[in-house]
Amino acid sequence: MKVFVYYNLHRKCWSIRDCSTRLVVDHCDILTLHDATFKVSAAGRARVLKERRKNVHAGCEGILTERLGPAGNYVQVEYNPYKYESFVLVSDKSPVEGAETVFMANGSVFALNPYPVRS
């Protein structure tokens, strides 16, 4: 199932939204996505910068998989609307567009074989 996942600030967990129905179908603390793409709404980010109040405007879209837990060389990815226009690697702050696999746990995001933003 193709889903959009974002961190829910109220529940302190990940919210999983079905891409076809756009309805939240589950909440969880740990999950894995395959063929993942990081999404940031420019208009949503602009609203955050203007109002200085967070809203749901960024997350990760991909295929929800059963496999839990990283197996491989994952790198940490982050997004902060006050600092970056896109998701970036924590190590060198280079922007990333997606990854082969994304593991999300306890509010942190880890990517296996991330690919950079295309210019």
PDB file of N, CA and C in Angstrom:
ATOM      1  N   MET A   1       0.842  -1.179   0.000  1.00  0.00           N
ATOM      2  CA  MET A   1       0.000   0.000   0.000  1.00  0.00           C
ATOM      3  C   MET A   1       0.886   1.240   0.000  1.00  0.00           C
ATOM      4  N   LYS A   2       0.604   2.186  -0.915  1.00  0.00           N
ATOM      5  CA  LYS A   2       1.349   3.430  -0.982  1.00  0.00           C
ATOM      6  C   LYS A   2       0.788   4.394   0.062  1.00  0.00           C
ATOM      7  N   VAL A   3       1.682   4.938   0.872  1.00  0.00           N
ATOM      8  CA  VAL A   3       1.258   5.796   1.975  1.00  0.00           C
ATOM      9  C   VAL A   3       2.110   7.055   2.039  1.00  0.00           C
ATOM     10  N   PHE A   4       1.584   8.043   2.754  1.00  0.00           N
ATOM     11  CA  PHE A   4       2.318   9.261   3.098  1.00  0.00           C
ATOM     12  C   PHE A   4       2.437   9.253   4.614  1.00  0.00           C
ATOM     13  N   VAL A   5       3.656   9.375   5.116  1.00  0.00           N
ATOM     14  CA  VAL A   5       3.899   9.304   6.555  1.00  0.00           C
ATOM     15  C   VAL A   5       4.473  10.626   7.047  1.00  0.00           C
ATOM     16  N   TYR A   6       3.937  11.113   8.150  1.00  0.00           N
ATOM     17  CA  TYR A   6       4.449  12.337   8.758  1.00  0.00           C
ATOM     18  C   TYR A   6       4.468  12.167  10.268  1.00  0.00           C
ATOM     19  N   TYR A   7       5.300  12.973  10.929  1.00  0.00           N
ATOM     20  CA  TYR A   7       5.376  12.899  12.384  1.00  0.00           C
ATOM     21  C   TYR A   7       4.247  13.722  12.984  1.00  0.00           C
ATOM     22  N   ASN A   8       3.461  13.086  13.830  1.00  0.00           N
ATOM     23  CA  ASN A   8       2.321  13.724  14.474  1.00  0.00           C
ATOM     24  C   ASN A   8       2.798  14.343  15.794  1.00  0.00           C
ATOM     25  N   LEU A   9       2.830  15.662  15.842  1.00  0.00           N
ATOM     26  CA  LEU A   9       3.336  16.375  17.024  1.00  0.00           C
ATOM     27  C   LEU A   9       2.447  16.207  18.253  1.00  0.00           C
ATOM     28  N   HIS A  10       1.166  15.967  18.039  1.00  0.00           N
ATOM     29  CA  HIS A  10       0.244  15.815  19.166  1.00  0.00           C
ATOM     30  C   HIS A  10       0.336  14.427  19.795  1.00  0.00           C
ATOM     31  N   ARG A  11       0.401  13.401  18.944  1.00  0.00           N
ATOM     32  CA  ARG A  11       0.462  12.027  19.438  1.00  0.00           C
ATOM     33  C   ARG A  11       1.888  11.539  19.704  1.00  0.00           C
ATOM     34  N   LYS A  12       2.876  12.288  19.220  1.00  0.00           N
ATOM     35  CA  LYS A  12       4.290  11.917  19.368  1.00  0.00           C
ATOM     36  C   LYS A  12       4.574  10.551  18.735  1.00  0.00           C
ATOM     37  N   CYS A  13       4.045  10.347  17.512  1.00  0.00           N
ATOM     38  CA  CYS A  13       4.272   9.118  16.765  1.00  0.00           C
ATOM     39  C   CYS A  13       4.093   9.438  15.275  1.00  0.00           C
ATOM     40  N   TRP A  14       4.257   8.423  14.436  1.00  0.00           N
ATOM     41  CA  TRP A  14       4.085   8.593  12.999  1.00  0.00           C
ATOM     42  C   TRP A  14       2.621   8.379  12.631  1.00  0.00           C
ATOM     43  N   SER A  15       2.081   9.248  11.795  1.00  0.00           N
ATOM     44  CA  SER A  15       0.744   9.082  11.243  1.00  0.00           C
ATOM     45  C   SER A  15       0.904   8.554   9.816  1.00  0.00           C
ATOM     46  N   ILE A  16       0.120   7.534   9.482  1.00  0.00           N
ATOM     47  CA  ILE A  16       0.199   6.899   8.173  1.00  0.00           C
ATOM     48  C   ILE A  16      -1.088   7.210   7.419  1.00  0.00           C
ATOM     49  N   ARG A  17      -0.939   7.899   6.278  1.00  0.00           N
ATOM     50  CA  ARG A  17      -2.089   8.298   5.472  1.00  0.00           C
ATOM     51  C   ARG A  17      -2.069   7.545   4.144  1.00  0.00           C
ATOM     52  N   ASP A  18      -3.154   6.882   3.796  1.00  0.00           N
ATOM     53  CA  ASP A  18      -3.285   6.166   2.530  1.00  0.00           C
ATOM     54  C   ASP A  18      -3.272   7.192   1.398  1.00  0.00           C
ATOM     55  N   CYS A  19      -2.417   6.987   0.392  1.00  0.00           N
ATOM     56  CA  CYS A  19      -2.318   7.954  -0.710  1.00  0.00           C
ATOM     57  C   CYS A  19      -3.553   7.977  -1.590  1.00  0.00           C
ATOM     58  N   SER A  20      -4.257   6.857  -1.714  1.00  0.00           N
ATOM     59  CA  SER A  20      -5.429   6.839  -2.587  1.00  0.00           C
ATOM     60  C   SER A  20      -6.649   7.489  -1.935  1.00  0.00           C
ATOM     61  N   THR A  21      -6.858   7.274  -0.640  1.00  0.00           N
ATOM     62  CA  THR A  21      -8.026   7.850   0.034  1.00  0.00           C
ATOM     63  C   THR A  21      -7.715   9.144   0.776  1.00  0.00           C
ATOM     64  N   ARG A  22      -6.418   9.394   1.032  1.00  0.00           N
ATOM     65  CA  ARG A  22      -5.948  10.550   1.795  1.00  0.00           C
ATOM     66  C   ARG A  22      -6.439  10.537   3.244  1.00  0.00           C
ATOM     67  N   LEU A  23      -6.819   9.353   3.746  1.00  0.00           N
ATOM     68  CA  LEU A  23      -7.266   9.204   5.126  1.00  0.00           C
ATOM     69  C   LEU A  23      -6.159   8.590   5.967  1.00  0.00           C
ATOM     70  N   VAL A  24      -6.036   9.036   7.216  1.00  0.00           N
ATOM     71  CA  VAL A  24      -5.075   8.435   8.141  1.00  0.00           C
ATOM     72  C   VAL A  24      -5.598   7.050   8.506  1.00  0.00           C
ATOM     73  N   VAL A  25      -4.761   6.028   8.263  1.00  0.00           N
ATOM     74  CA  VAL A  25      -5.188   4.645   8.492  1.00  0.00           C
ATOM     75  C   VAL A  25      -4.545   4.030   9.730  1.00  0.00           C
ATOM     76  N   ASP A  26      -3.473   4.643  10.242  1.00  0.00           N
ATOM     77  CA  ASP A  26      -2.803   4.069  11.406  1.00  0.00           C
ATOM     78  C   ASP A  26      -1.836   5.076  12.007  1.00  0.00           C
ATOM     79  N   HIS A  27      -1.406   4.769  13.217  1.00  0.00           N
ATOM     80  CA  HIS A  27      -0.363   5.507  13.915  1.00  0.00           C
ATOM     81  C   HIS A  27       0.601   4.468  14.468  1.00  0.00           C
ATOM     82  N   CYS A  28       1.896   4.744  14.424  1.00  0.00           N
ATOM     83  CA  CYS A  28       2.853   3.790  14.989  1.00  0.00           C
ATOM     84  C   CYS A  28       4.149   4.496  15.359  1.00  0.00           C
ATOM     85  N   ASP A  29       4.982   3.792  16.112  1.00  0.00           N
ATOM     86  CA  ASP A  29       6.265   4.342  16.557  1.00  0.00           C
ATOM     87  C   ASP A  29       7.408   3.977  15.622  1.00  0.00           C
ATOM     88  N   ILE A  30       7.285   2.824  14.933  1.00  0.00           N
ATOM     89  CA  ILE A  30       8.354   2.323  14.069  1.00  0.00           C
ATOM     90  C   ILE A  30       7.738   1.809  12.775  1.00  0.00           C
ATOM     91  N   LEU A  31       8.345   2.176  11.628  1.00  0.00           N
ATOM     92  CA  LEU A  31       7.876   1.659  10.347  1.00  0.00           C
ATOM     93  C   LEU A  31       8.970   1.737   9.296  1.00  0.00           C
ATOM     94  N   THR A  32       8.751   1.014   8.194  1.00  0.00           N
ATOM     95  CA  THR A  32       9.696   0.994   7.086  1.00  0.00           C
ATOM     96  C   THR A  32       8.944   1.236   5.787  1.00  0.00           C
ATOM     97  N   LEU A  33       9.507   2.105   4.933  1.00  0.00           N
ATOM     98  CA  LEU A  33       8.950   2.385   3.615  1.00  0.00           C
ATOM     99  C   LEU A  33       9.966   1.998   2.547  1.00  0.00           C
ATOM    100  N   HIS A  34       9.472   1.473   1.425  1.00  0.00           N
ATOM    101  CA  HIS A  34      10.324   1.121   0.290  1.00  0.00           C
ATOM    102  C   HIS A  34      10.003   2.082  -0.856  1.00  0.00           C
ATOM    103  N   ASP A  35      10.979   2.357  -1.727  1.00  0.00           N
ATOM    104  CA  ASP A  35      10.803   3.310  -2.835  1.00  0.00           C
ATOM    105  C   ASP A  35      10.258   4.631  -2.312  1.00  0.00           C
ATOM    106  N   ALA A  36      10.954   5.199  -1.359  1.00  0.00           N
ATOM    107  CA  ALA A  36      10.479   6.387  -0.644  1.00  0.00           C
ATOM    108  C   ALA A  36      10.885   7.694  -1.319  1.00  0.00           C
ATOM    109  N   THR A  37       9.979   8.659  -1.245  1.00  0.00           N
ATOM    110  CA  THR A  37      10.232  10.004  -1.746  1.00  0.00           C
ATOM    111  C   THR A  37       9.874  10.991  -0.643  1.00  0.00           C
ATOM    112  N   PHE A  38      10.794  11.919  -0.365  1.00  0.00           N
ATOM    113  CA  PHE A  38      10.540  12.946   0.639  1.00  0.00           C
ATOM    114  C   PHE A  38       9.766  14.085  -0.015  1.00  0.00           C
ATOM    115  N   LYS A  39       8.703  14.517   0.637  1.00  0.00           N
ATOM    116  CA  LYS A  39       7.835  15.562   0.093  1.00  0.00           C
ATOM    117  C   LYS A  39       7.768  16.755   1.049  1.00  0.00           C
ATOM    118  N   VAL A  40       7.906  17.958   0.476  1.00  0.00           N
ATOM    119  CA  VAL A  40       7.750  19.194   1.251  1.00  0.00           C
ATOM    120  C   VAL A  40       6.889  20.144   0.425  1.00  0.00           C
ATOM    121  N   SER A  41       5.791  20.611   0.999  1.00  0.00           N
ATOM    122  CA  SER A  41       4.943  21.591   0.332  1.00  0.00           C
ATOM    123  C   SER A  41       5.546  22.977   0.545  1.00  0.00           C
ATOM    124  N   ALA A  42       5.883  23.642  -0.553  1.00  0.00           N
ATOM    125  CA  ALA A  42       6.475  24.983  -0.456  1.00  0.00           C
ATOM    126  C   ALA A  42       5.500  25.966   0.201  1.00  0.00           C
ATOM    127  N   ALA A  43       4.217  25.853  -0.144  1.00  0.00           N
ATOM    128  CA  ALA A  43       3.208  26.745   0.439  1.00  0.00           C
ATOM    129  C   ALA A  43       3.053  26.475   1.935  1.00  0.00           C
ATOM    130  N   GLY A  44       3.065  25.207   2.319  1.00  0.00           N
ATOM    131  CA  GLY A  44       2.965  24.854   3.736  1.00  0.00           C
ATOM    132  C   GLY A  44       4.156  25.349   4.519  1.00  0.00           C
ATOM    133  N   ARG A  45       5.349  25.209   3.927  1.00  0.00           N
ATOM    134  CA  ARG A  45       6.567  25.702   4.593  1.00  0.00           C
ATOM    135  C   ARG A  45       6.508  27.220   4.742  1.00  0.00           C
ATOM    136  N   ALA A  46       6.038  27.914   3.704  1.00  0.00           N
ATOM    137  CA  ALA A  46       5.923  29.380   3.768  1.00  0.00           C
ATOM    138  C   ALA A  46       4.972  29.791   4.887  1.00  0.00           C
ATOM    139  N   ARG A  47       3.897  29.030   5.069  1.00  0.00           N
ATOM    140  CA  ARG A  47       2.939  29.324   6.144  1.00  0.00           C
ATOM    141  C   ARG A  47       3.587  29.136   7.517  1.00  0.00           C
ATOM    142  N   VAL A  48       4.410  28.094   7.652  1.00  0.00           N
ATOM    143  CA  VAL A  48       5.138  27.862   8.913  1.00  0.00           C
ATOM    144  C   VAL A  48       6.069  29.034   9.195  1.00  0.00           C
ATOM    145  N   LEU A  49       6.805  29.482   8.181  1.00  0.00           N
ATOM    146  CA  LEU A  49       7.744  30.587   8.369  1.00  0.00           C
ATOM    147  C   LEU A  49       7.016  31.888   8.711  1.00  0.00           C
ATOM    148  N   LYS A  50       5.860  32.085   8.100  1.00  0.00           N
ATOM    149  CA  LYS A  50       5.092  33.306   8.355  1.00  0.00           C
ATOM    150  C   LYS A  50       4.458  33.296   9.739  1.00  0.00           C
ATOM    151  N   GLU A  51       3.799  32.180  10.083  1.00  0.00           N
ATOM    152  CA  GLU A  51       3.060  32.100  11.345  1.00  0.00           C
ATOM    153  C   GLU A  51       3.906  31.641  12.522  1.00  0.00           C
ATOM    154  N   ARG A  52       5.107  31.101  12.232  1.00  0.00           N
ATOM    155  CA  ARG A  52       5.992  30.544  13.275  1.00  0.00           C
ATOM    156  C   ARG A  52       5.263  29.458  14.065  1.00  0.00           C
ATOM    157  N   ARG A  53       4.452  28.678  13.349  1.00  0.00           N
ATOM    158  CA  ARG A  53       3.673  27.597  13.954  1.00  0.00           C
ATOM    159  C   ARG A  53       3.681  26.415  12.991  1.00  0.00           C
ATOM    160  N   LYS A  54       4.051  25.251  13.476  1.00  0.00           N
ATOM    161  CA  LYS A  54       4.173  24.077  12.609  1.00  0.00           C
ATOM    162  C   LYS A  54       2.814  23.567  12.156  1.00  0.00           C
ATOM    163  N   ASN A  55       2.807  22.991  10.950  1.00  0.00           N
ATOM    164  CA  ASN A  55       1.631  22.347  10.378  1.00  0.00           C
ATOM    165  C   ASN A  55       2.112  21.155   9.547  1.00  0.00           C
ATOM    166  N   VAL A  56       1.198  20.296   9.134  1.00  0.00           N
ATOM    167  CA  VAL A  56       1.582  19.136   8.339  1.00  0.00           C
ATOM    168  C   VAL A  56       1.812  19.585   6.905  1.00  0.00           C
ATOM    169  N   HIS A  57       3.073  19.681   6.518  1.00  0.00           N
ATOM    170  CA  HIS A  57       3.410  20.089   5.159  1.00  0.00           C
ATOM    171  C   HIS A  57       4.575  19.284   4.595  1.00  0.00           C
ATOM    172  N   ALA A  58       5.090  18.320   5.367  1.00  0.00           N
ATOM    173  CA  ALA A  58       6.229  17.531   4.904  1.00  0.00           C
ATOM    174  C   ALA A  58       6.121  16.109   5.435  1.00  0.00           C
ATOM    175  N   GLY A  59       6.663  15.191   4.665  1.00  0.00           N
ATOM    176  CA  GLY A  59       6.657  13.803   5.084  1.00  0.00           C
ATOM    177  C   GLY A  59       7.323  12.932   4.042  1.00  0.00           C
ATOM    178  N   CYS A  60       7.054  11.654   4.106  1.00  0.00           N
ATOM    179  CA  CYS A  60       7.681  10.697   3.211  1.00  0.00           C
ATOM    180  C   CYS A  60       6.603   9.812   2.593  1.00  0.00           C
ATOM    181  N   GLU A  61       6.683   9.650   1.285  1.00  0.00           N
ATOM    182  CA  GLU A  61       5.726   8.825   0.564  1.00  0.00           C
ATOM    183  C   GLU A  61       6.432   7.566   0.078  1.00  0.00           C
ATOM    184  N   GLY A  62       5.794   6.416   0.229  1.00  0.00           N
ATOM    185  CA  GLY A  62       6.401   5.174  -0.227  1.00  0.00           C
ATOM    186  C   GLY A  62       5.497   3.986   0.019  1.00  0.00           C
ATOM    187  N   ILE A  63       6.057   2.804  -0.220  1.00  0.00           N
ATOM    188  CA  ILE A  63       5.324   1.559  -0.037  1.00  0.00           C
ATOM    189  C   ILE A  63       5.593   1.042   1.372  1.00  0.00           C
ATOM    190  N   LEU A  64       4.539   0.908   2.161  1.00  0.00           N
ATOM    191  CA  LEU A  64       4.663   0.406   3.526  1.00  0.00           C
ATOM    192  C   LEU A  64       5.040  -1.073   3.478  1.00  0.00           C
ATOM    193  N   THR A  65       6.101  -1.454   4.196  1.00  0.00           N
ATOM    194  CA  THR A  65       6.571  -2.840   4.186  1.00  0.00           C
ATOM    195  C   THR A  65       6.469  -3.438   5.578  1.00  0.00           C
ATOM    196  N   GLU A  66       6.549  -4.733   5.628  1.00  0.00           N
ATOM    197  CA  GLU A  66       6.477  -5.458   6.898  1.00  0.00           C
ATOM    198  C   GLU A  66       7.804  -5.456   7.634  1.00  0.00           C
ATOM    199  N   ARG A  67       8.899  -5.300   6.885  1.00  0.00           N
ATOM    200  CA  ARG A  67      10.218  -5.389   7.503  1.00  0.00           C
ATOM    201  C   ARG A  67      10.445  -4.215   8.447  1.00  0.00           C
ATOM    202  N   LEU A  68      10.769  -4.518   9.677  1.00  0.00           N
ATOM    203  CA  LEU A  68      11.057  -3.478  10.661  1.00  0.00           C
ATOM    204  C   LEU A  68      12.506  -3.575  11.079  1.00  0.00           C
ATOM    205  N   GLY A  69      13.141  -2.464  11.186  1.00  0.00           N
ATOM    206  CA  GLY A  69      14.525  -2.437  11.647  1.00  0.00           C
ATOM    207  C   GLY A  69      15.499  -2.342  10.500  1.00  0.00           C
ATOM    208  N   PRO A  70      16.501  -1.511  10.666  1.00  0.00           N
ATOM    209  CA  PRO A  70      17.474  -1.316   9.594  1.00  0.00           C
ATOM    210  C   PRO A  70      18.435  -2.500   9.452  1.00  0.00           C
ATOM    211  N   ALA A  71      18.647  -2.897   8.221  1.00  0.00           N
ATOM    212  CA  ALA A  71      19.662  -3.892   7.883  1.00  0.00           C
ATOM    213  C   ALA A  71      20.426  -3.307   6.712  1.00  0.00           C
ATOM    214  N   GLY A  72      21.580  -2.751   6.974  1.00  0.00           N
ATOM    215  CA  GLY A  72      22.359  -2.075   5.945  1.00  0.00           C
ATOM    216  C   GLY A  72      22.958  -0.799   6.491  1.00  0.00           C
ATOM    217  N   ASN A  73      23.537  -0.036   5.595  1.00  0.00           N
ATOM    218  CA  ASN A  73      24.198   1.215   5.984  1.00  0.00           C
ATOM    219  C   ASN A  73      23.239   2.386   5.844  1.00  0.00           C
ATOM    220  N   TYR A  74      22.421   2.573   6.844  1.00  0.00           N
ATOM    221  CA  TYR A  74      21.465   3.677   6.856  1.00  0.00           C
ATOM    222  C   TYR A  74      22.149   4.955   7.312  1.00  0.00           C
ATOM    223  N   VAL A  75      21.689   6.077   6.762  1.00  0.00           N
ATOM    224  CA  VAL A  75      22.173   7.392   7.183  1.00  0.00           C
ATOM    225  C   VAL A  75      20.976   8.180   7.698  1.00  0.00           C
ATOM    226  N   GLN A  76      21.208   9.033   8.660  1.00  0.00           N
ATOM    227  CA  GLN A  76      20.104   9.798   9.236  1.00  0.00           C
ATOM    228  C   GLN A  76      19.752  10.990   8.350  1.00  0.00           C
ATOM    229  N   VAL A  77      18.443  11.227   8.253  1.00  0.00           N
ATOM    230  CA  VAL A  77      17.891  12.323   7.452  1.00  0.00           C
ATOM    231  C   VAL A  77      17.046  13.184   8.378  1.00  0.00           C
ATOM    232  N   GLU A  78      17.018  14.505   8.115  1.00  0.00           N
ATOM    233  CA  GLU A  78      16.188  15.383   8.936  1.00  0.00           C
ATOM    234  C   GLU A  78      15.533  16.452   8.073  1.00  0.00           C
ATOM    235  N   TYR A  79      14.517  17.080   8.647  1.00  0.00           N
ATOM    236  CA  TYR A  79      13.874  18.219   8.003  1.00  0.00           C
ATOM    237  C   TYR A  79      13.502  19.217   9.076  1.00  0.00           C
ATOM    238  N   ASN A  80      13.893  20.460   8.868  1.00  0.00           N
ATOM    239  CA  ASN A  80      13.542  21.549   9.763  1.00  0.00           C
ATOM    240  C   ASN A  80      13.107  22.712   8.882  1.00  0.00           C
ATOM    241  N   PRO A  81      11.827  23.075   8.899  1.00  0.00           N
ATOM    242  CA  PRO A  81      11.341  24.122   8.001  1.00  0.00           C
ATOM    243  C   PRO A  81      12.000  25.481   8.220  1.00  0.00           C
ATOM    244  N   TYR A  82      12.563  25.701   9.395  1.00  0.00           N
ATOM    245  CA  TYR A  82      13.219  26.974   9.678  1.00  0.00           C
ATOM    246  C   TYR A  82      14.639  27.028   9.126  1.00  0.00           C
ATOM    247  N   LYS A  83      15.200  25.864   8.769  1.00  0.00           N
ATOM    248  CA  LYS A  83      16.579  25.811   8.272  1.00  0.00           C
ATOM    249  C   LYS A  83      16.708  25.358   6.821  1.00  0.00           C
ATOM    250  N   TYR A  84      15.810  24.451   6.378  1.00  0.00           N
ATOM    251  CA  TYR A  84      15.981  23.821   5.073  1.00  0.00           C
ATOM    252  C   TYR A  84      14.703  23.856   4.248  1.00  0.00           C
ATOM    253  N   GLU A  85      14.870  23.843   2.917  1.00  0.00           N
ATOM    254  CA  GLU A  85      13.733  23.775   2.003  1.00  0.00           C
ATOM    255  C   GLU A  85      13.329  22.334   1.724  1.00  0.00           C
ATOM    256  N   SER A  86      14.226  21.381   2.034  1.00  0.00           N
ATOM    257  CA  SER A  86      13.960  19.970   1.765  1.00  0.00           C
ATOM    258  C   SER A  86      14.541  19.127   2.891  1.00  0.00           C
ATOM    259  N   PHE A  87      14.334  17.831   2.792  1.00  0.00           N
ATOM    260  CA  PHE A  87      14.984  16.915   3.728  1.00  0.00           C
ATOM    261  C   PHE A  87      16.477  16.912   3.401  1.00  0.00           C
ATOM    262  N   VAL A  88      17.318  16.772   4.424  1.00  0.00           N
ATOM    263  CA  VAL A  88      18.772  16.785   4.238  1.00  0.00           C
ATOM    264  C   VAL A  88      19.412  15.649   5.030  1.00  0.00           C
ATOM    265  N   LEU A  89      20.622  15.260   4.596  1.00  0.00           N
ATOM    266  CA  LEU A  89      21.408  14.306   5.365  1.00  0.00           C
ATOM    267  C   LEU A  89      21.933  15.012   6.604  1.00  0.00           C
ATOM    268  N   VAL A  90      21.871  14.371   7.748  1.00  0.00           N
ATOM    269  CA  VAL A  90      22.359  14.970   8.988  1.00  0.00           C
ATOM    270  C   VAL A  90      23.871  15.177   8.910  1.00  0.00           C
ATOM    271  N   SER A  91      24.572  14.258   8.268  1.00  0.00           N
ATOM    272  CA  SER A  91      26.034  14.284   8.231  1.00  0.00           C
ATOM    273  C   SER A  91      26.610  15.519   7.553  1.00  0.00           C
ATOM    274  N   ASP A  92      26.078  15.905   6.385  1.00  0.00           N
ATOM    275  CA  ASP A  92      26.666  17.031   5.649  1.00  0.00           C
ATOM    276  C   ASP A  92      25.645  18.065   5.164  1.00  0.00           C
ATOM    277  N   LYS A  93      24.390  17.901   5.576  1.00  0.00           N
ATOM    278  CA  LYS A  93      23.304  18.839   5.249  1.00  0.00           C
ATOM    279  C   LYS A  93      23.008  18.918   3.750  1.00  0.00           C
ATOM    280  N   SER A  94      23.399  17.908   2.970  1.00  0.00           N
ATOM    281  CA  SER A  94      23.075  17.899   1.544  1.00  0.00           C
ATOM    282  C   SER A  94      21.633  17.436   1.353  1.00  0.00           C
ATOM    283  N   PRO A  95      20.889  18.095   0.446  1.00  0.00           N
ATOM    284  CA  PRO A  95      19.477  17.762   0.249  1.00  0.00           C
ATOM    285  C   PRO A  95      19.288  16.382  -0.383  1.00  0.00           C
ATOM    286  N   VAL A  96      18.248  15.684   0.048  1.00  0.00           N
ATOM    287  CA  VAL A  96      17.917  14.379  -0.514  1.00  0.00           C
ATOM    288  C   VAL A  96      16.468  14.371  -0.984  1.00  0.00           C
ATOM    289  N   GLU A  97      16.229  13.634  -2.072  1.00  0.00           N
ATOM    290  CA  GLU A  97      14.894  13.564  -2.658  1.00  0.00           C
ATOM    291  C   GLU A  97      14.148  12.319  -2.213  1.00  0.00           C
ATOM    292  N   GLY A  98      14.887  11.264  -1.938  1.00  0.00           N
ATOM    293  CA  GLY A  98      14.257  10.012  -1.547  1.00  0.00           C
ATOM    294  C   GLY A  98      15.314   8.970  -1.241  1.00  0.00           C
ATOM    295  N   ALA A  99      14.862   7.712  -1.128  1.00  0.00           N
ATOM    296  CA  ALA A  99      15.785   6.629  -0.813  1.00  0.00           C
ATOM    297  C   ALA A  99      15.163   5.292  -1.194  1.00  0.00           C
ATOM    298  N   GLU A 100      16.024   4.312  -1.362  1.00  0.00           N
ATOM    299  CA  GLU A 100      15.567   2.952  -1.638  1.00  0.00           C
ATOM    300  C   GLU A 100      14.650   2.468  -0.518  1.00  0.00           C
ATOM    301  N   THR A 101      15.105   2.662   0.716  1.00  0.00           N
ATOM    302  CA  THR A 101      14.332   2.272   1.893  1.00  0.00           C
ATOM    303  C   THR A 101      14.482   3.346   2.960  1.00  0.00           C
ATOM    304  N   VAL A 102      13.394   3.631   3.667  1.00  0.00           N
ATOM    305  CA  VAL A 102      13.426   4.594   4.767  1.00  0.00           C
ATOM    306  C   VAL A 102      12.888   3.902   6.011  1.00  0.00           C
ATOM    307  N   PHE A 103      13.629   4.036   7.103  1.00  0.00           N
ATOM    308  CA  PHE A 103      13.242   3.472   8.388  1.00  0.00           C
ATOM    309  C   PHE A 103      12.938   4.637   9.317  1.00  0.00           C
ATOM    310  N   MET A 104      11.770   4.622   9.948  1.00  0.00           N
ATOM    311  CA  MET A 104      11.355   5.701  10.838  1.00  0.00           C
ATOM    312  C   MET A 104      11.102   5.134  12.222  1.00  0.00           C
ATOM    313  N   ALA A 105      11.760   5.717  13.217  1.00  0.00           N
ATOM    314  CA  ALA A 105      11.596   5.232  14.586  1.00  0.00           C
ATOM    315  C   ALA A 105      11.799   6.374  15.568  1.00  0.00           C
ATOM    316  N   ASN A 106      10.898   6.475  16.530  1.00  0.00           N
ATOM    317  CA  ASN A 106      11.015   7.434  17.626  1.00  0.00           C
ATOM    318  C   ASN A 106      11.287   8.859  17.148  1.00  0.00           C
ATOM    319  N   GLY A 107      10.630   9.272  16.103  1.00  0.00           N
ATOM    320  CA  GLY A 107      10.778  10.634  15.601  1.00  0.00           C
ATOM    321  C   GLY A 107      11.983  10.871  14.722  1.00  0.00           C
ATOM    322  N   SER A 108      12.792   9.837  14.459  1.00  0.00           N
ATOM    323  CA  SER A 108      13.977   9.963  13.612  1.00  0.00           C
ATOM    324  C   SER A 108      13.774   9.218  12.302  1.00  0.00           C
ATOM    325  N   VAL A 109      14.458   9.706  11.254  1.00  0.00           N
ATOM    326  CA  VAL A 109      14.342   9.118   9.921  1.00  0.00           C
ATOM    327  C   VAL A 109      15.717   8.678   9.457  1.00  0.00           C
ATOM    328  N   PHE A 110      15.793   7.446   8.935  1.00  0.00           N
ATOM    329  CA  PHE A 110      17.043   6.873   8.438  1.00  0.00           C
ATOM    330  C   PHE A 110      16.814   6.364   7.023  1.00  0.00           C
ATOM    331  N   ALA A 111      17.771   6.633   6.118  1.00  0.00           N
ATOM    332  CA  ALA A 111      17.613   6.265   4.712  1.00  0.00           C
ATOM    333  C   ALA A 111      18.714   5.313   4.263  1.00  0.00           C
ATOM    334  N   LEU A 112      18.322   4.297   3.489  1.00  0.00           N
ATOM    335  CA  LEU A 112      19.264   3.370   2.866  1.00  0.00           C
ATOM    336  C   LEU A 112      19.371   3.766   1.400  1.00  0.00           C
ATOM    337  N   ASN A 113      20.586   4.027   0.944  1.00  0.00           N
ATOM    338  CA  ASN A 113      20.851   4.451  -0.433  1.00  0.00           C
ATOM    339  C   ASN A 113      20.029   5.690  -0.823  1.00  0.00           C
ATOM    340  N   PRO A 114      20.209   6.793  -0.078  1.00  0.00           N
ATOM    341  CA  PRO A 114      19.458   8.012  -0.419  1.00  0.00           C
ATOM    342  C   PRO A 114      19.943   8.586  -1.749  1.00  0.00           C
ATOM    343  N   TYR A 115      19.051   9.258  -2.465  1.00  0.00           N
ATOM    344  CA  TYR A 115      19.471   9.920  -3.691  1.00  0.00           C
ATOM    345  C   TYR A 115      19.233  11.406  -3.568  1.00  0.00           C
ATOM    346  N   PRO A 116      20.185  12.179  -4.137  1.00  0.00           N
ATOM    347  CA  PRO A 116      20.143  13.633  -3.974  1.00  0.00           C
ATOM    348  C   PRO A 116      19.014  14.278  -4.770  1.00  0.00           C
ATOM    349  N   VAL A 117      18.708  15.517  -4.415  1.00  0.00           N
ATOM    350  CA  VAL A 117      17.707  16.293  -5.132  1.00  0.00           C
ATOM    351  C   VAL A 117      18.244  16.570  -6.533  1.00  0.00           C
ATOM    352  N   ARG A 118      17.394  16.336  -7.540  1.00  0.00           N
ATOM    353  CA  ARG A 118      17.794  16.621  -8.928  1.00  0.00           C
ATOM    354  C   ARG A 118      17.688  18.116  -9.176  1.00  0.00           C
ATOM    355  N   SER A 119      18.675  18.656  -9.861  1.00  0.00           N
ATOM    356  CA  SER A 119      18.683  20.097 -10.155  1.00  0.00           C
ATOM    357  C   SER A 119      17.868  20.414 -11.373  1.00  0.00           C
TER     358      SER A 119
END
